[in-house]
Amino acid sequence: MMAADLPMQDVRAQYAELKATLSTFQASVGDCLERAEAEFLQAYRAHMVEVHRELQQLRAQLGSAEASLRDDDGVRELEASGAWYRGEAAQQAAHVAALRKDRTYARRKRRALDADRRHLRRQLEAGKREQKRLEARAAA
C-alpha cells in the first residue's frame, strides 16, 4: 500500500501546488495589468505634454507669420491688383450676359425672318403657279 500511495502523494502535491498557483494567478495578472496601465498612462501623459508644447510652438509661429503677412507691402499690392481683377471680371461677366441676351434676341429675330421668308416664298410660288394657270387659260 505504501508503494501505491507514493505516486498518489506526488499527484496530490502537484495538485496542491497547481491550486496555489492558480489562486495567486489572477492577483498576479491584475498586478501586471496595473503596472502596464500605469506605464502606459505615464508614457501617454509625457507624449501629450510634448504634443501640447509642439502645438503651442506652431501656434506662435503661425501668429508671427500672419503678423508679417499683414505688414507686407507686397501683399497689399497683390490684394489691390486682385480686387481690380475681380472688378474687371465682374464687368466682363456683365458684358458677356448682355451679349448672350443680344444673341438670343438675334436668334429669335432670325428665326422669325426665316419663317416669314419661307411663307413669302410659298406665296410667291403659289402666285406664279396661279399666273401660269391664268395665262394658260387665257391662251386657250
N, C-alpha and C. Protein backbone atom coordinates (compact mmCIF):
# COMPACT_ATOMS: atom_id res chain seq x y z
N MET A 1 0.79 -1.19 0.00
CA MET A 1 0.00 0.00 0.00
C MET A 1 0.83 1.25 0.00
N MET A 2 1.94 1.18 0.58
CA MET A 2 2.80 2.35 0.65
C MET A 2 3.36 2.71 -0.72
N ALA A 3 3.63 1.70 -1.47
CA ALA A 3 4.19 1.94 -2.78
C ALA A 3 3.14 2.59 -3.69
N ALA A 4 1.87 2.22 -3.52
CA ALA A 4 0.79 2.79 -4.32
C ALA A 4 0.48 4.20 -3.86
N ASP A 5 0.70 4.48 -2.59
CA ASP A 5 0.43 5.82 -2.05
C ASP A 5 1.45 6.85 -2.51
N LEU A 6 2.67 6.43 -2.77
CA LEU A 6 3.73 7.37 -3.14
C LEU A 6 3.42 8.13 -4.44
N PRO A 7 3.03 7.49 -5.52
CA PRO A 7 2.69 8.26 -6.73
C PRO A 7 1.48 9.16 -6.50
N MET A 8 0.53 8.67 -5.70
CA MET A 8 -0.65 9.48 -5.43
C MET A 8 -0.28 10.71 -4.61
N GLN A 9 0.70 10.60 -3.74
CA GLN A 9 1.14 11.76 -2.95
C GLN A 9 1.79 12.80 -3.87
N ASP A 10 2.54 12.31 -4.84
CA ASP A 10 3.15 13.24 -5.81
C ASP A 10 2.07 13.98 -6.58
N VAL A 11 1.04 13.23 -6.97
CA VAL A 11 -0.06 13.85 -7.72
C VAL A 11 -0.76 14.87 -6.83
N ARG A 12 -1.00 14.51 -5.60
CA ARG A 12 -1.67 15.43 -4.67
C ARG A 12 -0.81 16.66 -4.41
N ALA A 13 0.49 16.48 -4.30
CA ALA A 13 1.39 17.62 -4.06
C ALA A 13 1.39 18.55 -5.26
N GLN A 14 1.46 17.95 -6.43
CA GLN A 14 1.43 18.76 -7.64
C GLN A 14 0.08 19.48 -7.79
N TYR A 15 -1.01 18.76 -7.42
CA TYR A 15 -2.34 19.37 -7.48
C TYR A 15 -2.43 20.55 -6.52
N ALA A 16 -1.89 20.38 -5.33
CA ALA A 16 -1.92 21.46 -4.33
C ALA A 16 -1.10 22.65 -4.83
N GLU A 17 0.06 22.33 -5.42
CA GLU A 17 0.92 23.41 -5.96
C GLU A 17 0.20 24.14 -7.10
N LEU A 18 -0.46 23.37 -7.99
CA LEU A 18 -1.20 23.97 -9.10
C LEU A 18 -2.36 24.81 -8.58
N LYS A 19 -3.05 24.33 -7.59
CA LYS A 19 -4.18 25.06 -7.00
C LYS A 19 -3.70 26.37 -6.38
N ALA A 20 -2.56 26.34 -5.70
CA ALA A 20 -2.00 27.55 -5.08
C ALA A 20 -1.57 28.54 -6.17
N THR A 21 -0.98 28.00 -7.23
CA THR A 21 -0.54 28.87 -8.33
C THR A 21 -1.75 29.52 -9.00
N LEU A 22 -2.79 28.73 -9.22
CA LEU A 22 -3.99 29.28 -9.86
C LEU A 22 -4.68 30.31 -8.96
N SER A 23 -4.65 30.11 -7.68
CA SER A 23 -5.31 31.07 -6.78
C SER A 23 -4.56 32.41 -6.77
N THR A 24 -3.24 32.37 -6.96
CA THR A 24 -2.49 33.63 -6.99
C THR A 24 -2.33 34.17 -8.40
N PHE A 25 -2.73 33.38 -9.42
CA PHE A 25 -2.57 33.80 -10.82
C PHE A 25 -3.37 35.06 -11.13
N GLN A 26 -4.61 35.10 -10.70
CA GLN A 26 -5.46 36.26 -11.01
C GLN A 26 -4.89 37.52 -10.36
N ALA A 27 -4.43 37.39 -9.15
CA ALA A 27 -3.84 38.55 -8.47
C ALA A 27 -2.56 38.98 -9.19
N SER A 28 -1.77 38.01 -9.64
CA SER A 28 -0.53 38.34 -10.35
C SER A 28 -0.84 39.03 -11.68
N VAL A 29 -1.81 38.51 -12.39
CA VAL A 29 -2.19 39.12 -13.67
C VAL A 29 -2.73 40.52 -13.44
N GLY A 30 -3.56 40.69 -12.42
CA GLY A 30 -4.10 42.01 -12.08
C GLY A 30 -2.99 42.99 -11.76
N ASP A 31 -2.01 42.58 -10.98
CA ASP A 31 -0.87 43.44 -10.65
C ASP A 31 -0.08 43.80 -11.90
N CYS A 32 0.13 42.81 -12.77
CA CYS A 32 0.87 43.05 -14.01
C CYS A 32 0.12 44.05 -14.88
N LEU A 33 -1.21 43.88 -14.99
CA LEU A 33 -2.01 44.81 -15.80
C LEU A 33 -1.98 46.21 -15.20
N GLU A 34 -2.05 46.33 -13.89
CA GLU A 34 -1.99 47.65 -13.25
C GLU A 34 -0.66 48.34 -13.56
N ARG A 35 0.44 47.58 -13.47
CA ARG A 35 1.75 48.16 -13.78
C ARG A 35 1.81 48.60 -15.25
N ALA A 36 1.32 47.73 -16.15
CA ALA A 36 1.34 48.07 -17.57
C ALA A 36 0.47 49.29 -17.83
N GLU A 37 -0.69 49.37 -17.20
CA GLU A 37 -1.58 50.52 -17.38
C GLU A 37 -0.92 51.79 -16.86
N ALA A 38 -0.27 51.69 -15.70
CA ALA A 38 0.40 52.86 -15.12
C ALA A 38 1.53 53.32 -16.05
N GLU A 39 2.30 52.38 -16.58
CA GLU A 39 3.38 52.73 -17.51
C GLU A 39 2.83 53.37 -18.77
N PHE A 40 1.74 52.79 -19.29
CA PHE A 40 1.13 53.35 -20.49
C PHE A 40 0.63 54.77 -20.24
N LEU A 41 -0.07 54.97 -19.14
CA LEU A 41 -0.59 56.30 -18.84
C LEU A 41 0.54 57.31 -18.65
N GLN A 42 1.61 56.88 -18.03
CA GLN A 42 2.75 57.78 -17.85
C GLN A 42 3.35 58.15 -19.21
N ALA A 43 3.52 57.17 -20.07
CA ALA A 43 4.06 57.45 -21.41
C ALA A 43 3.09 58.32 -22.20
N TYR A 44 1.79 58.06 -22.06
CA TYR A 44 0.78 58.86 -22.77
C TYR A 44 0.80 60.30 -22.30
N ARG A 45 0.88 60.49 -20.99
CA ARG A 45 0.94 61.86 -20.45
C ARG A 45 2.17 62.59 -20.98
N ALA A 46 3.32 61.90 -20.98
CA ALA A 46 4.55 62.53 -21.48
C ALA A 46 4.39 62.89 -22.95
N HIS A 47 3.80 62.00 -23.71
CA HIS A 47 3.58 62.26 -25.14
C HIS A 47 2.64 63.45 -25.32
N MET A 48 1.57 63.50 -24.57
CA MET A 48 0.60 64.60 -24.71
C MET A 48 1.21 65.94 -24.28
N VAL A 49 2.08 65.92 -23.29
CA VAL A 49 2.77 67.15 -22.89
C VAL A 49 3.63 67.63 -24.06
N GLU A 50 4.31 66.69 -24.71
CA GLU A 50 5.16 67.05 -25.86
C GLU A 50 4.31 67.57 -27.01
N VAL A 51 3.18 66.92 -27.26
CA VAL A 51 2.28 67.36 -28.33
C VAL A 51 1.76 68.76 -28.02
N HIS A 52 1.39 68.99 -26.77
CA HIS A 52 0.88 70.32 -26.38
C HIS A 52 1.96 71.38 -26.56
N ARG A 53 3.17 71.07 -26.18
CA ARG A 53 4.27 72.02 -26.33
C ARG A 53 4.51 72.32 -27.82
N GLU A 54 4.48 71.28 -28.63
CA GLU A 54 4.68 71.47 -30.07
C GLU A 54 3.54 72.29 -30.68
N LEU A 55 2.33 72.04 -30.22
CA LEU A 55 1.17 72.80 -30.70
C LEU A 55 1.31 74.28 -30.33
N GLN A 56 1.75 74.56 -29.15
CA GLN A 56 1.95 75.96 -28.73
C GLN A 56 3.01 76.63 -29.59
N GLN A 57 4.09 75.90 -29.89
CA GLN A 57 5.13 76.47 -30.74
C GLN A 57 4.60 76.76 -32.14
N LEU A 58 3.84 75.85 -32.68
CA LEU A 58 3.28 76.05 -34.02
C LEU A 58 2.30 77.21 -34.04
N ARG A 59 1.50 77.35 -32.98
CA ARG A 59 0.59 78.49 -32.92
C ARG A 59 1.35 79.80 -32.85
N ALA A 60 2.44 79.81 -32.10
CA ALA A 60 3.24 81.03 -32.03
C ALA A 60 3.85 81.35 -33.39
N GLN A 61 4.35 80.34 -34.09
CA GLN A 61 4.91 80.55 -35.42
C GLN A 61 3.84 81.05 -36.38
N LEU A 62 2.66 80.51 -36.28
CA LEU A 62 1.56 80.93 -37.13
C LEU A 62 1.19 82.38 -36.87
N GLY A 63 1.14 82.75 -35.61
CA GLY A 63 0.83 84.15 -35.26
C GLY A 63 1.86 85.10 -35.81
N SER A 64 3.13 84.75 -35.69
CA SER A 64 4.17 85.65 -36.21
C SER A 64 4.14 85.69 -37.74
N ALA A 65 3.85 84.57 -38.37
CA ALA A 65 3.77 84.55 -39.84
C ALA A 65 2.59 85.39 -40.32
N GLU A 66 1.45 85.30 -39.63
CA GLU A 66 0.29 86.11 -40.00
C GLU A 66 0.58 87.60 -39.81
N ALA A 67 1.26 87.92 -38.74
CA ALA A 67 1.60 89.33 -38.50
C ALA A 67 2.53 89.85 -39.59
N SER A 68 3.50 89.06 -39.98
CA SER A 68 4.43 89.51 -41.02
C SER A 68 3.70 89.63 -42.36
N LEU A 69 2.73 88.76 -42.61
CA LEU A 69 1.96 88.88 -43.86
C LEU A 69 1.10 90.14 -43.86
N ARG A 70 0.52 90.45 -42.73
CA ARG A 70 -0.32 91.65 -42.66
C ARG A 70 0.49 92.91 -42.91
N ASP A 71 1.72 92.89 -42.51
CA ASP A 71 2.56 94.07 -42.63
C ASP A 71 3.29 94.14 -43.97
N ASP A 72 3.18 93.15 -44.77
CA ASP A 72 3.94 93.08 -46.01
C ASP A 72 3.31 93.96 -47.08
N ASP A 73 4.08 94.90 -47.64
CA ASP A 73 3.58 95.80 -48.68
C ASP A 73 3.27 95.04 -49.97
N GLY A 74 4.06 94.05 -50.27
CA GLY A 74 3.82 93.26 -51.48
C GLY A 74 2.46 92.60 -51.45
N VAL A 75 2.08 92.14 -50.27
CA VAL A 75 0.78 91.51 -50.13
C VAL A 75 -0.32 92.55 -50.37
N ARG A 76 -0.13 93.73 -49.87
CA ARG A 76 -1.12 94.79 -50.08
C ARG A 76 -1.28 95.08 -51.57
N GLU A 77 -0.17 95.18 -52.27
CA GLU A 77 -0.24 95.45 -53.71
C GLU A 77 -0.96 94.31 -54.44
N LEU A 78 -0.63 93.08 -54.06
CA LEU A 78 -1.29 91.94 -54.68
C LEU A 78 -2.79 91.92 -54.38
N GLU A 79 -3.15 92.27 -53.17
CA GLU A 79 -4.57 92.33 -52.83
C GLU A 79 -5.28 93.40 -53.64
N ALA A 80 -4.60 94.57 -53.83
CA ALA A 80 -5.21 95.64 -54.63
C ALA A 80 -5.38 95.19 -56.08
N SER A 81 -4.35 94.56 -56.64
CA SER A 81 -4.48 94.11 -58.02
C SER A 81 -5.52 92.99 -58.12
N GLY A 82 -5.62 92.15 -57.11
CA GLY A 82 -6.66 91.11 -57.10
C GLY A 82 -8.05 91.73 -57.08
N ALA A 83 -8.21 92.80 -56.31
CA ALA A 83 -9.51 93.49 -56.27
C ALA A 83 -9.82 94.09 -57.65
N TRP A 84 -8.81 94.68 -58.30
CA TRP A 84 -9.02 95.26 -59.62
C TRP A 84 -9.44 94.17 -60.61
N TYR A 85 -8.74 93.01 -60.58
CA TYR A 85 -9.09 91.92 -61.47
C TYR A 85 -10.50 91.38 -61.20
N ARG A 86 -10.88 91.33 -59.92
CA ARG A 86 -12.24 90.88 -59.60
C ARG A 86 -13.26 91.85 -60.17
N GLY A 87 -12.97 93.16 -60.08
CA GLY A 87 -13.86 94.16 -60.67
C GLY A 87 -13.96 94.00 -62.17
N GLU A 88 -12.81 93.79 -62.82
CA GLU A 88 -12.79 93.59 -64.26
C GLU A 88 -13.58 92.33 -64.63
N ALA A 89 -13.41 91.29 -63.84
CA ALA A 89 -14.13 90.04 -64.12
C ALA A 89 -15.64 90.26 -63.99
N ALA A 90 -16.04 91.06 -63.02
CA ALA A 90 -17.47 91.34 -62.86
C ALA A 90 -18.00 92.12 -64.06
N GLN A 91 -17.21 93.11 -64.53
CA GLN A 91 -17.62 93.87 -65.71
C GLN A 91 -17.71 92.96 -66.93
N GLN A 92 -16.72 92.09 -67.10
CA GLN A 92 -16.72 91.17 -68.24
C GLN A 92 -17.92 90.22 -68.16
N ALA A 93 -18.23 89.78 -66.97
CA ALA A 93 -19.38 88.89 -66.80
C ALA A 93 -20.67 89.60 -67.19
N ALA A 94 -20.80 90.88 -66.80
CA ALA A 94 -21.98 91.65 -67.18
C ALA A 94 -22.03 91.84 -68.70
N HIS A 95 -20.88 92.11 -69.29
CA HIS A 95 -20.82 92.29 -70.74
C HIS A 95 -21.19 90.99 -71.47
N VAL A 96 -20.69 89.88 -70.99
CA VAL A 96 -21.00 88.59 -71.58
C VAL A 96 -22.49 88.30 -71.46
N ALA A 97 -23.07 88.63 -70.31
CA ALA A 97 -24.50 88.41 -70.13
C ALA A 97 -25.30 89.24 -71.13
N ALA A 98 -24.88 90.50 -71.34
CA ALA A 98 -25.57 91.36 -72.30
C ALA A 98 -25.41 90.79 -73.71
N LEU A 99 -24.22 90.33 -74.06
CA LEU A 99 -24.01 89.73 -75.38
C LEU A 99 -24.86 88.48 -75.57
N ARG A 100 -24.98 87.69 -74.55
CA ARG A 100 -25.82 86.49 -74.64
C ARG A 100 -27.27 86.88 -74.86
N LYS A 101 -27.71 87.92 -74.16
CA LYS A 101 -29.08 88.40 -74.33
C LYS A 101 -29.28 88.88 -75.76
N ASP A 102 -28.31 89.64 -76.27
CA ASP A 102 -28.39 90.12 -77.65
C ASP A 102 -28.40 88.95 -78.64
N ARG A 103 -27.57 87.95 -78.38
CA ARG A 103 -27.50 86.79 -79.25
C ARG A 103 -28.84 86.06 -79.27
N THR A 104 -29.44 85.91 -78.10
CA THR A 104 -30.74 85.25 -78.02
C THR A 104 -31.78 86.04 -78.82
N TYR A 105 -31.76 87.37 -78.68
CA TYR A 105 -32.70 88.22 -79.42
C TYR A 105 -32.47 88.07 -80.93
N ALA A 106 -31.20 88.09 -81.35
CA ALA A 106 -30.88 87.97 -82.77
C ALA A 106 -31.32 86.61 -83.31
N ARG A 107 -31.13 85.56 -82.54
CA ARG A 107 -31.55 84.23 -82.98
C ARG A 107 -33.07 84.17 -83.16
N ARG A 108 -33.79 84.74 -82.21
CA ARG A 108 -35.25 84.75 -82.32
C ARG A 108 -35.69 85.56 -83.54
N LYS A 109 -35.05 86.71 -83.74
CA LYS A 109 -35.40 87.55 -84.89
C LYS A 109 -35.09 86.82 -86.19
N ARG A 110 -33.93 86.15 -86.26
CA ARG A 110 -33.56 85.39 -87.46
C ARG A 110 -34.56 84.28 -87.72
N ARG A 111 -35.00 83.57 -86.69
CA ARG A 111 -35.99 82.50 -86.87
C ARG A 111 -37.30 83.08 -87.42
N ALA A 112 -37.69 84.24 -86.86
CA ALA A 112 -38.93 84.87 -87.34
C ALA A 112 -38.77 85.30 -88.80
N LEU A 113 -37.62 85.87 -89.13
CA LEU A 113 -37.40 86.29 -90.52
C LEU A 113 -37.34 85.09 -91.46
N ASP A 114 -36.72 84.00 -91.01
CA ASP A 114 -36.68 82.79 -91.83
C ASP A 114 -38.09 82.25 -92.06
N ALA A 115 -38.89 82.28 -91.03
CA ALA A 115 -40.27 81.80 -91.17
C ALA A 115 -41.03 82.71 -92.14
N ASP A 116 -40.85 84.04 -92.01
CA ASP A 116 -41.50 84.97 -92.94
C ASP A 116 -41.02 84.73 -94.38
N ARG A 117 -39.73 84.53 -94.58
CA ARG A 117 -39.17 84.30 -95.90
C ARG A 117 -39.75 83.04 -96.52
N ARG A 118 -39.83 81.96 -95.73
CA ARG A 118 -40.42 80.72 -96.24
C ARG A 118 -41.88 80.94 -96.62
N HIS A 119 -42.59 81.67 -95.79
CA HIS A 119 -44.00 81.94 -96.07
C HIS A 119 -44.15 82.76 -97.35
N LEU A 120 -43.33 83.81 -97.48
CA LEU A 120 -43.41 84.65 -98.67
C LEU A 120 -43.00 83.88 -99.92
N ARG A 121 -42.00 82.99 -99.80
CA ARG A 121 -41.59 82.18 -100.94
C ARG A 121 -42.72 81.27 -101.38
N ARG A 122 -43.39 80.65 -100.42
CA ARG A 122 -44.53 79.79 -100.76
C ARG A 122 -45.64 80.60 -101.44
N GLN A 123 -45.88 81.82 -100.93
CA GLN A 123 -46.91 82.66 -101.55
C GLN A 123 -46.50 83.05 -102.97
N LEU A 124 -45.19 83.39 -103.14
CA LEU A 124 -44.71 83.77 -104.46
C LEU A 124 -44.84 82.60 -105.43
N GLU A 125 -44.43 81.42 -105.00
CA GLU A 125 -44.55 80.25 -105.86
C GLU A 125 -46.02 79.97 -106.19
N ALA A 126 -46.88 80.11 -105.20
CA ALA A 126 -48.32 79.89 -105.44
C ALA A 126 -48.83 80.94 -106.42
N GLY A 127 -48.37 82.19 -106.28
CA GLY A 127 -48.78 83.25 -107.20
C GLY A 127 -48.29 82.97 -108.61
N LYS A 128 -47.06 82.49 -108.77
CA LYS A 128 -46.53 82.17 -110.09
C LYS A 128 -47.33 81.04 -110.72
N ARG A 129 -47.63 80.01 -109.94
CA ARG A 129 -48.43 78.91 -110.47
C ARG A 129 -49.80 79.41 -110.92
N GLU A 130 -50.38 80.26 -110.08
CA GLU A 130 -51.70 80.82 -110.43
C GLU A 130 -51.60 81.66 -111.70
N GLN A 131 -50.53 82.45 -111.84
CA GLN A 131 -50.34 83.28 -113.04
C GLN A 131 -50.19 82.39 -114.27
N LYS A 132 -49.38 81.32 -114.16
CA LYS A 132 -49.21 80.41 -115.29
C LYS A 132 -50.54 79.75 -115.66
N ARG A 133 -51.31 79.40 -114.69
CA ARG A 133 -52.60 78.76 -114.92
C ARG A 133 -53.54 79.75 -115.65
N LEU A 134 -53.52 81.01 -115.17
CA LEU A 134 -54.38 82.00 -115.80
C LEU A 134 -53.91 82.33 -117.20
N GLU A 135 -52.57 82.39 -117.41
CA GLU A 135 -52.03 82.65 -118.75
C GLU A 135 -52.40 81.49 -119.68
N ALA A 136 -52.33 80.27 -119.17
CA ALA A 136 -52.68 79.11 -119.99
C ALA A 136 -54.17 79.13 -120.33
N ARG A 137 -55.00 79.53 -119.42
CA ARG A 137 -56.43 79.61 -119.65
C ARG A 137 -56.75 80.71 -120.66
N ALA A 138 -56.02 81.85 -120.51
CA ALA A 138 -56.26 82.96 -121.44
C ALA A 138 -55.79 82.60 -122.83
N ALA A 139 -54.74 81.84 -122.97
CA ALA A 139 -54.20 81.46 -124.28
C ALA A 139 -55.10 80.40 -124.92
N ALA A 140 -55.80 79.65 -124.16
CA ALA A 140 -56.61 78.59 -124.74
C ALA A 140 -57.95 79.05 -125.16
